[in-house]
Amino acid sequence: MAALTRPRDGRVLGGVCAALARRFGTSATTMRLIFLASCLLPGPQFLIYLGLWIFLPAEKSASTAW
């Protein structure tokens, strides 16, 4: 499985859904639809999204990798 990092490409808002899609082997669109559907349910979805956006590291670019 891929490491959980926010990708530099394929981001829409922060790259959280794209990172989760890579991790679980699905498309980013599917993950975004799952997130939007989960927003119809009660719970802290937005807080979790913000927390992941803050705490997930961004993917390193090829020019900065050693």
PDB file of N, CA and C in Angstrom:
ATOM      1  N   MET A   1       0.830  -1.190   0.000  1.00  0.00           N
ATOM      2  CA  MET A   1       0.000   0.000   0.000  1.00  0.00           C
ATOM      3  C   MET A   1       0.868   1.245   0.000  1.00  0.00           C
ATOM      4  N   ALA A   2       0.325   2.274  -0.607  1.00  0.00           N
ATOM      5  CA  ALA A   2       1.044   3.537  -0.687  1.00  0.00           C
ATOM      6  C   ALA A   2       1.010   4.250   0.660  1.00  0.00           C
ATOM      7  N   ALA A   3       2.044   5.055   0.883  1.00  0.00           N
ATOM      8  CA  ALA A   3       2.077   5.842   2.114  1.00  0.00           C
ATOM      9  C   ALA A   3       0.975   6.896   2.076  1.00  0.00           C
ATOM     10  N   LEU A   4       0.506   7.291   3.223  1.00  0.00           N
ATOM     11  CA  LEU A   4      -0.579   8.260   3.303  1.00  0.00           C
ATOM     12  C   LEU A   4       0.004   9.667   3.291  1.00  0.00           C
ATOM     13  N   THR A   5       0.133  10.227   2.086  1.00  0.00           N
ATOM     14  CA  THR A   5       0.597  11.593   1.888  1.00  0.00           C
ATOM     15  C   THR A   5      -0.340  12.278   0.913  1.00  0.00           C
ATOM     16  N   ARG A   6      -0.479  13.584   1.059  1.00  0.00           N
ATOM     17  CA  ARG A   6      -1.325  14.351   0.147  1.00  0.00           C
ATOM     18  C   ARG A   6      -0.570  14.558  -1.156  1.00  0.00           C
ATOM     19  N   PRO A   7      -1.110  14.089  -2.286  1.00  0.00           N
ATOM     20  CA  PRO A   7      -0.397  14.201  -3.561  1.00  0.00           C
ATOM     21  C   PRO A   7      -0.333  15.634  -4.073  1.00  0.00           C
ATOM     22  N   ARG A   8       0.658  15.906  -4.893  1.00  0.00           N
ATOM     23  CA  ARG A   8       0.794  17.232  -5.487  1.00  0.00           C
ATOM     24  C   ARG A   8      -0.149  17.395  -6.676  1.00  0.00           C
ATOM     25  N   ASP A   9      -0.472  16.307  -7.361  1.00  0.00           N
ATOM     26  CA  ASP A   9      -1.394  16.384  -8.491  1.00  0.00           C
ATOM     27  C   ASP A   9      -2.712  15.710  -8.122  1.00  0.00           C
ATOM     28  N   GLY A  10      -3.791  16.134  -8.739  1.00  0.00           N
ATOM     29  CA  GLY A  10      -5.096  15.549  -8.454  1.00  0.00           C
ATOM     30  C   GLY A  10      -5.806  16.143  -7.256  1.00  0.00           C
ATOM     31  N   ARG A  11      -5.291  17.229  -6.725  1.00  0.00           N
ATOM     32  CA  ARG A  11      -5.937  17.889  -5.579  1.00  0.00           C
ATOM     33  C   ARG A  11      -7.134  18.694  -6.036  1.00  0.00           C
ATOM     34  N   VAL A  12      -8.145  18.732  -5.216  1.00  0.00           N
ATOM     35  CA  VAL A  12      -9.251  19.651  -5.428  1.00  0.00           C
ATOM     36  C   VAL A  12      -9.284  20.635  -4.262  1.00  0.00           C
ATOM     37  N   LEU A  13      -9.298  20.092  -3.062  1.00  0.00           N
ATOM     38  CA  LEU A  13      -9.271  20.940  -1.876  1.00  0.00           C
ATOM     39  C   LEU A  13      -8.395  20.245  -0.839  1.00  0.00           C
ATOM     40  N   GLY A  14      -7.139  20.573  -0.812  1.00  0.00           N
ATOM     41  CA  GLY A  14      -6.230  20.009   0.173  1.00  0.00           C
ATOM     42  C   GLY A  14      -5.615  18.673  -0.185  1.00  0.00           C
ATOM     43  N   GLY A  15      -6.252  17.878  -1.009  1.00  0.00           N
ATOM     44  CA  GLY A  15      -5.707  16.587  -1.409  1.00  0.00           C
ATOM     45  C   GLY A  15      -6.006  15.446  -0.465  1.00  0.00           C
ATOM     46  N   VAL A  16      -6.897  15.641   0.491  1.00  0.00           N
ATOM     47  CA  VAL A  16      -7.203  14.593   1.465  1.00  0.00           C
ATOM     48  C   VAL A  16      -7.899  13.409   0.801  1.00  0.00           C
ATOM     49  N   CYS A  17      -8.910  13.683  -0.008  1.00  0.00           N
ATOM     50  CA  CYS A  17      -9.628  12.587  -0.678  1.00  0.00           C
ATOM     51  C   CYS A  17      -8.723  11.856  -1.666  1.00  0.00           C
ATOM     52  N   ALA A  18      -7.853  12.581  -2.352  1.00  0.00           N
ATOM     53  CA  ALA A  18      -6.911  11.952  -3.270  1.00  0.00           C
ATOM     54  C   ALA A  18      -5.929  11.055  -2.517  1.00  0.00           C
ATOM     55  N   ALA A  19      -5.486  11.491  -1.340  1.00  0.00           N
ATOM     56  CA  ALA A  19      -4.576  10.678  -0.526  1.00  0.00           C
ATOM     57  C   ALA A  19      -5.266   9.408  -0.033  1.00  0.00           C
ATOM     58  N   LEU A  20      -6.498   9.544   0.437  1.00  0.00           N
ATOM     59  CA  LEU A  20      -7.240   8.374   0.905  1.00  0.00           C
ATOM     60  C   LEU A  20      -7.548   7.419  -0.248  1.00  0.00           C
ATOM     61  N   ALA A  21      -7.834   7.965  -1.426  1.00  0.00           N
ATOM     62  CA  ALA A  21      -8.101   7.130  -2.592  1.00  0.00           C
ATOM     63  C   ALA A  21      -6.864   6.320  -2.968  1.00  0.00           C
ATOM     64  N   ARG A  22      -5.705   6.948  -2.952  1.00  0.00           N
ATOM     65  CA  ARG A  22      -4.453   6.211  -3.231  1.00  0.00           C
ATOM     66  C   ARG A  22      -4.232   5.111  -2.201  1.00  0.00           C
ATOM     67  N   ARG A  23      -4.457   5.431  -0.958  1.00  0.00           N
ATOM     68  CA  ARG A  23      -4.221   4.481   0.133  1.00  0.00           C
ATOM     69  C   ARG A  23      -5.105   3.254   0.027  1.00  0.00           C
ATOM     70  N   PHE A  24      -6.385   3.461  -0.337  1.00  0.00           N
ATOM     71  CA  PHE A  24      -7.327   2.355  -0.384  1.00  0.00           C
ATOM     72  C   PHE A  24      -7.546   1.806  -1.788  1.00  0.00           C
ATOM     73  N   GLY A  25      -6.801   2.310  -2.785  1.00  0.00           N
ATOM     74  CA  GLY A  25      -6.842   1.751  -4.123  1.00  0.00           C
ATOM     75  C   GLY A  25      -8.117   2.025  -4.892  1.00  0.00           C
ATOM     76  N   THR A  26      -8.684   3.191  -4.722  1.00  0.00           N
ATOM     77  CA  THR A  26      -9.893   3.581  -5.443  1.00  0.00           C
ATOM     78  C   THR A  26      -9.635   4.912  -6.143  1.00  0.00           C
ATOM     79  N   SER A  27     -10.613   5.400  -6.874  1.00  0.00           N
ATOM     80  CA  SER A  27     -10.428   6.682  -7.560  1.00  0.00           C
ATOM     81  C   SER A  27     -10.737   7.829  -6.607  1.00  0.00           C
ATOM     82  N   ALA A  28     -10.145   8.969  -6.896  1.00  0.00           N
ATOM     83  CA  ALA A  28     -10.384  10.150  -6.065  1.00  0.00           C
ATOM     84  C   ALA A  28     -11.839  10.594  -6.167  1.00  0.00           C
ATOM     85  N   THR A  29     -12.431  10.423  -7.331  1.00  0.00           N
ATOM     86  CA  THR A  29     -13.839  10.797  -7.498  1.00  0.00           C
ATOM     87  C   THR A  29     -14.736   9.959  -6.598  1.00  0.00           C
ATOM     88  N   THR A  30     -14.463   8.667  -6.522  1.00  0.00           N
ATOM     89  CA  THR A  30     -15.235   7.788  -5.644  1.00  0.00           C
ATOM     90  C   THR A  30     -15.096   8.227  -4.191  1.00  0.00           C
ATOM     91  N   MET A  31     -13.890   8.550  -3.782  1.00  0.00           N
ATOM     92  CA  MET A  31     -13.663   8.970  -2.402  1.00  0.00           C
ATOM     93  C   MET A  31     -14.374  10.286  -2.114  1.00  0.00           C
ATOM     94  N   ARG A  32     -14.386  11.191  -3.079  1.00  0.00           N
ATOM     95  CA  ARG A  32     -15.093  12.465  -2.895  1.00  0.00           C
ATOM     96  C   ARG A  32     -16.597  12.245  -2.773  1.00  0.00           C
ATOM     97  N   LEU A  33     -17.135  11.339  -3.568  1.00  0.00           N
ATOM     98  CA  LEU A  33     -18.566  11.029  -3.484  1.00  0.00           C
ATOM     99  C   LEU A  33     -18.914  10.397  -2.138  1.00  0.00           C
ATOM    100  N   ILE A  34     -18.042   9.533  -1.638  1.00  0.00           N
ATOM    101  CA  ILE A  34     -18.255   8.927  -0.321  1.00  0.00           C
ATOM    102  C   ILE A  34     -18.245  10.008   0.755  1.00  0.00           C
ATOM    103  N   PHE A  35     -17.305  10.943   0.649  1.00  0.00           N
ATOM    104  CA  PHE A  35     -17.245  12.029   1.627  1.00  0.00           C
ATOM    105  C   PHE A  35     -18.504  12.886   1.565  1.00  0.00           C
ATOM    106  N   LEU A  36     -18.944  13.238   0.362  1.00  0.00           N
ATOM    107  CA  LEU A  36     -20.153  14.053   0.234  1.00  0.00           C
ATOM    108  C   LEU A  36     -21.378  13.325   0.775  1.00  0.00           C
ATOM    109  N   ALA A  37     -21.477  12.026   0.517  1.00  0.00           N
ATOM    110  CA  ALA A  37     -22.602  11.250   1.051  1.00  0.00           C
ATOM    111  C   ALA A  37     -22.537  11.186   2.570  1.00  0.00           C
ATOM    112  N   SER A  38     -21.328  11.091   3.123  1.00  0.00           N
ATOM    113  CA  SER A  38     -21.196  11.019   4.575  1.00  0.00           C
ATOM    114  C   SER A  38     -21.589  12.338   5.240  1.00  0.00           C
ATOM    115  N   CYS A  39     -21.538  13.435   4.498  1.00  0.00           N
ATOM    116  CA  CYS A  39     -21.928  14.725   5.058  1.00  0.00           C
ATOM    117  C   CYS A  39     -23.426  14.799   5.333  1.00  0.00           C
ATOM    118  N   LEU A  40     -24.188  13.898   4.750  1.00  0.00           N
ATOM    119  CA  LEU A  40     -25.622  13.849   5.021  1.00  0.00           C
ATOM    120  C   LEU A  40     -25.919  13.199   6.366  1.00  0.00           C
ATOM    121  N   LEU A  41     -24.945  12.502   6.922  1.00  0.00           N
ATOM    122  CA  LEU A  41     -25.092  11.834   8.214  1.00  0.00           C
ATOM    123  C   LEU A  41     -24.547  12.739   9.324  1.00  0.00           C
ATOM    124  N   PRO A  42     -25.059  12.591  10.522  1.00  0.00           N
ATOM    125  CA  PRO A  42     -24.496  13.396  11.622  1.00  0.00           C
ATOM    126  C   PRO A  42     -23.096  12.896  11.979  1.00  0.00           C
ATOM    127  N   GLY A  43     -22.236  13.811  12.330  1.00  0.00           N
ATOM    128  CA  GLY A  43     -20.890  13.430  12.733  1.00  0.00           C
ATOM    129  C   GLY A  43     -19.880  14.517  12.425  1.00  0.00           C
ATOM    130  N   PRO A  44     -18.649  14.286  12.802  1.00  0.00           N
ATOM    131  CA  PRO A  44     -17.603  15.306  12.667  1.00  0.00           C
ATOM    132  C   PRO A  44     -16.805  15.195  11.359  1.00  0.00           C
ATOM    133  N   GLN A  45     -17.470  14.974  10.236  1.00  0.00           N
ATOM    134  CA  GLN A  45     -16.762  14.771   8.971  1.00  0.00           C
ATOM    135  C   GLN A  45     -15.856  15.947   8.607  1.00  0.00           C
ATOM    136  N   PHE A  46     -16.352  17.165   8.761  1.00  0.00           N
ATOM    137  CA  PHE A  46     -15.558  18.329   8.389  1.00  0.00           C
ATOM    138  C   PHE A  46     -14.352  18.501   9.312  1.00  0.00           C
ATOM    139  N   LEU A  47     -14.522  18.202  10.580  1.00  0.00           N
ATOM    140  CA  LEU A  47     -13.392  18.297  11.509  1.00  0.00           C
ATOM    141  C   LEU A  47     -12.332  17.248  11.192  1.00  0.00           C
ATOM    142  N   ILE A  48     -12.769  16.054  10.844  1.00  0.00           N
ATOM    143  CA  ILE A  48     -11.815  15.005  10.459  1.00  0.00           C
ATOM    144  C   ILE A  48     -11.074  15.405   9.187  1.00  0.00           C
ATOM    145  N   TYR A  49     -11.813  15.947   8.211  1.00  0.00           N
ATOM    146  CA  TYR A  49     -11.185  16.401   6.965  1.00  0.00           C
ATOM    147  C   TYR A  49     -10.140  17.480   7.247  1.00  0.00           C
ATOM    148  N   LEU A  50     -10.510  18.463   8.060  1.00  0.00           N
ATOM    149  CA  LEU A  50      -9.561  19.529   8.400  1.00  0.00           C
ATOM    150  C   LEU A  50      -8.345  18.985   9.144  1.00  0.00           C
ATOM    151  N   GLY A  51      -8.578  18.048  10.056  1.00  0.00           N
ATOM    152  CA  GLY A  51      -7.464  17.440  10.785  1.00  0.00           C
ATOM    153  C   GLY A  51      -6.520  16.683   9.862  1.00  0.00           C
ATOM    154  N   LEU A  52      -7.083  15.936   8.925  1.00  0.00           N
ATOM    155  CA  LEU A  52      -6.237  15.223   7.964  1.00  0.00           C
ATOM    156  C   LEU A  52      -5.484  16.197   7.078  1.00  0.00           C
ATOM    157  N   TRP A  53      -6.128  17.282   6.687  1.00  0.00           N
ATOM    158  CA  TRP A  53      -5.483  18.288   5.848  1.00  0.00           C
ATOM    159  C   TRP A  53      -4.281  18.893   6.578  1.00  0.00           C
ATOM    160  N   ILE A  54      -4.435  19.113   7.874  1.00  0.00           N
ATOM    161  CA  ILE A  54      -3.359  19.719   8.655  1.00  0.00           C
ATOM    162  C   ILE A  54      -2.242  18.720   8.952  1.00  0.00           C
ATOM    163  N   PHE A  55      -2.603  17.484   9.319  1.00  0.00           N
ATOM    164  CA  PHE A  55      -1.603  16.539   9.824  1.00  0.00           C
ATOM    165  C   PHE A  55      -1.010  15.599   8.780  1.00  0.00           C
ATOM    166  N   LEU A  56      -1.657  15.424   7.627  1.00  0.00           N
ATOM    167  CA  LEU A  56      -1.064  14.574   6.597  1.00  0.00           C
ATOM    168  C   LEU A  56       0.042  15.351   5.894  1.00  0.00           C
ATOM    169  N   PRO A  57       1.202  14.759   5.755  1.00  0.00           N
ATOM    170  CA  PRO A  57       2.280  15.475   5.070  1.00  0.00           C
ATOM    171  C   PRO A  57       2.019  15.539   3.567  1.00  0.00           C
ATOM    172  N   ALA A  58       2.493  16.605   2.955  1.00  0.00           N
ATOM    173  CA  ALA A  58       2.392  16.737   1.505  1.00  0.00           C
ATOM    174  C   ALA A  58       3.441  15.846   0.854  1.00  0.00           C
ATOM    175  N   GLU A  59       3.119  15.351  -0.307  1.00  0.00           N
ATOM    176  CA  GLU A  59       4.048  14.514  -1.062  1.00  0.00           C
ATOM    177  C   GLU A  59       5.248  15.357  -1.484  1.00  0.00           C
ATOM    178  N   LYS A  60       6.418  14.795  -1.365  1.00  0.00           N
ATOM    179  CA  LYS A  60       7.624  15.512  -1.765  1.00  0.00           C
ATOM    180  C   LYS A  60       7.719  15.534  -3.278  1.00  0.00           C
ATOM    181  N   SER A  61       8.157  16.653  -3.817  1.00  0.00           N
ATOM    182  CA  SER A  61       8.320  16.746  -5.265  1.00  0.00           C
ATOM    183  C   SER A  61       9.595  16.024  -5.661  1.00  0.00           C
ATOM    184  N   ALA A  62       9.712  15.679  -6.920  1.00  0.00           N
ATOM    185  CA  ALA A  62      10.874  14.942  -7.412  1.00  0.00           C
ATOM    186  C   ALA A  62      12.155  15.758  -7.284  1.00  0.00           C
ATOM    187  N   SER A  63      12.046  17.072  -7.359  1.00  0.00           N
ATOM    188  CA  SER A  63      13.240  17.914  -7.289  1.00  0.00           C
ATOM    189  C   SER A  63      13.808  18.007  -5.881  1.00  0.00           C
ATOM    190  N   THR A  64      12.971  17.783  -4.845  1.00  0.00           N
ATOM    191  CA  THR A  64      13.467  17.888  -3.470  1.00  0.00           C
ATOM    192  C   THR A  64      13.823  16.532  -2.880  1.00  0.00           C
ATOM    193  N   ALA A  65      13.518  15.452  -3.586  1.00  0.00           N
ATOM    194  CA  ALA A  65      13.832  14.119  -3.069  1.00  0.00           C
ATOM    195  C   ALA A  65      15.314  13.830  -3.268  1.00  0.00           C
ATOM    196  N   TRP A  66      15.929  13.186  -2.310  1.00  0.00           N
ATOM    197  CA  TRP A  66      17.350  12.839  -2.404  1.00  0.00           C
ATOM    198  C   TRP A  66      17.519  11.523  -3.019  1.00  0.00           C
TER     199      TRP A  66
END
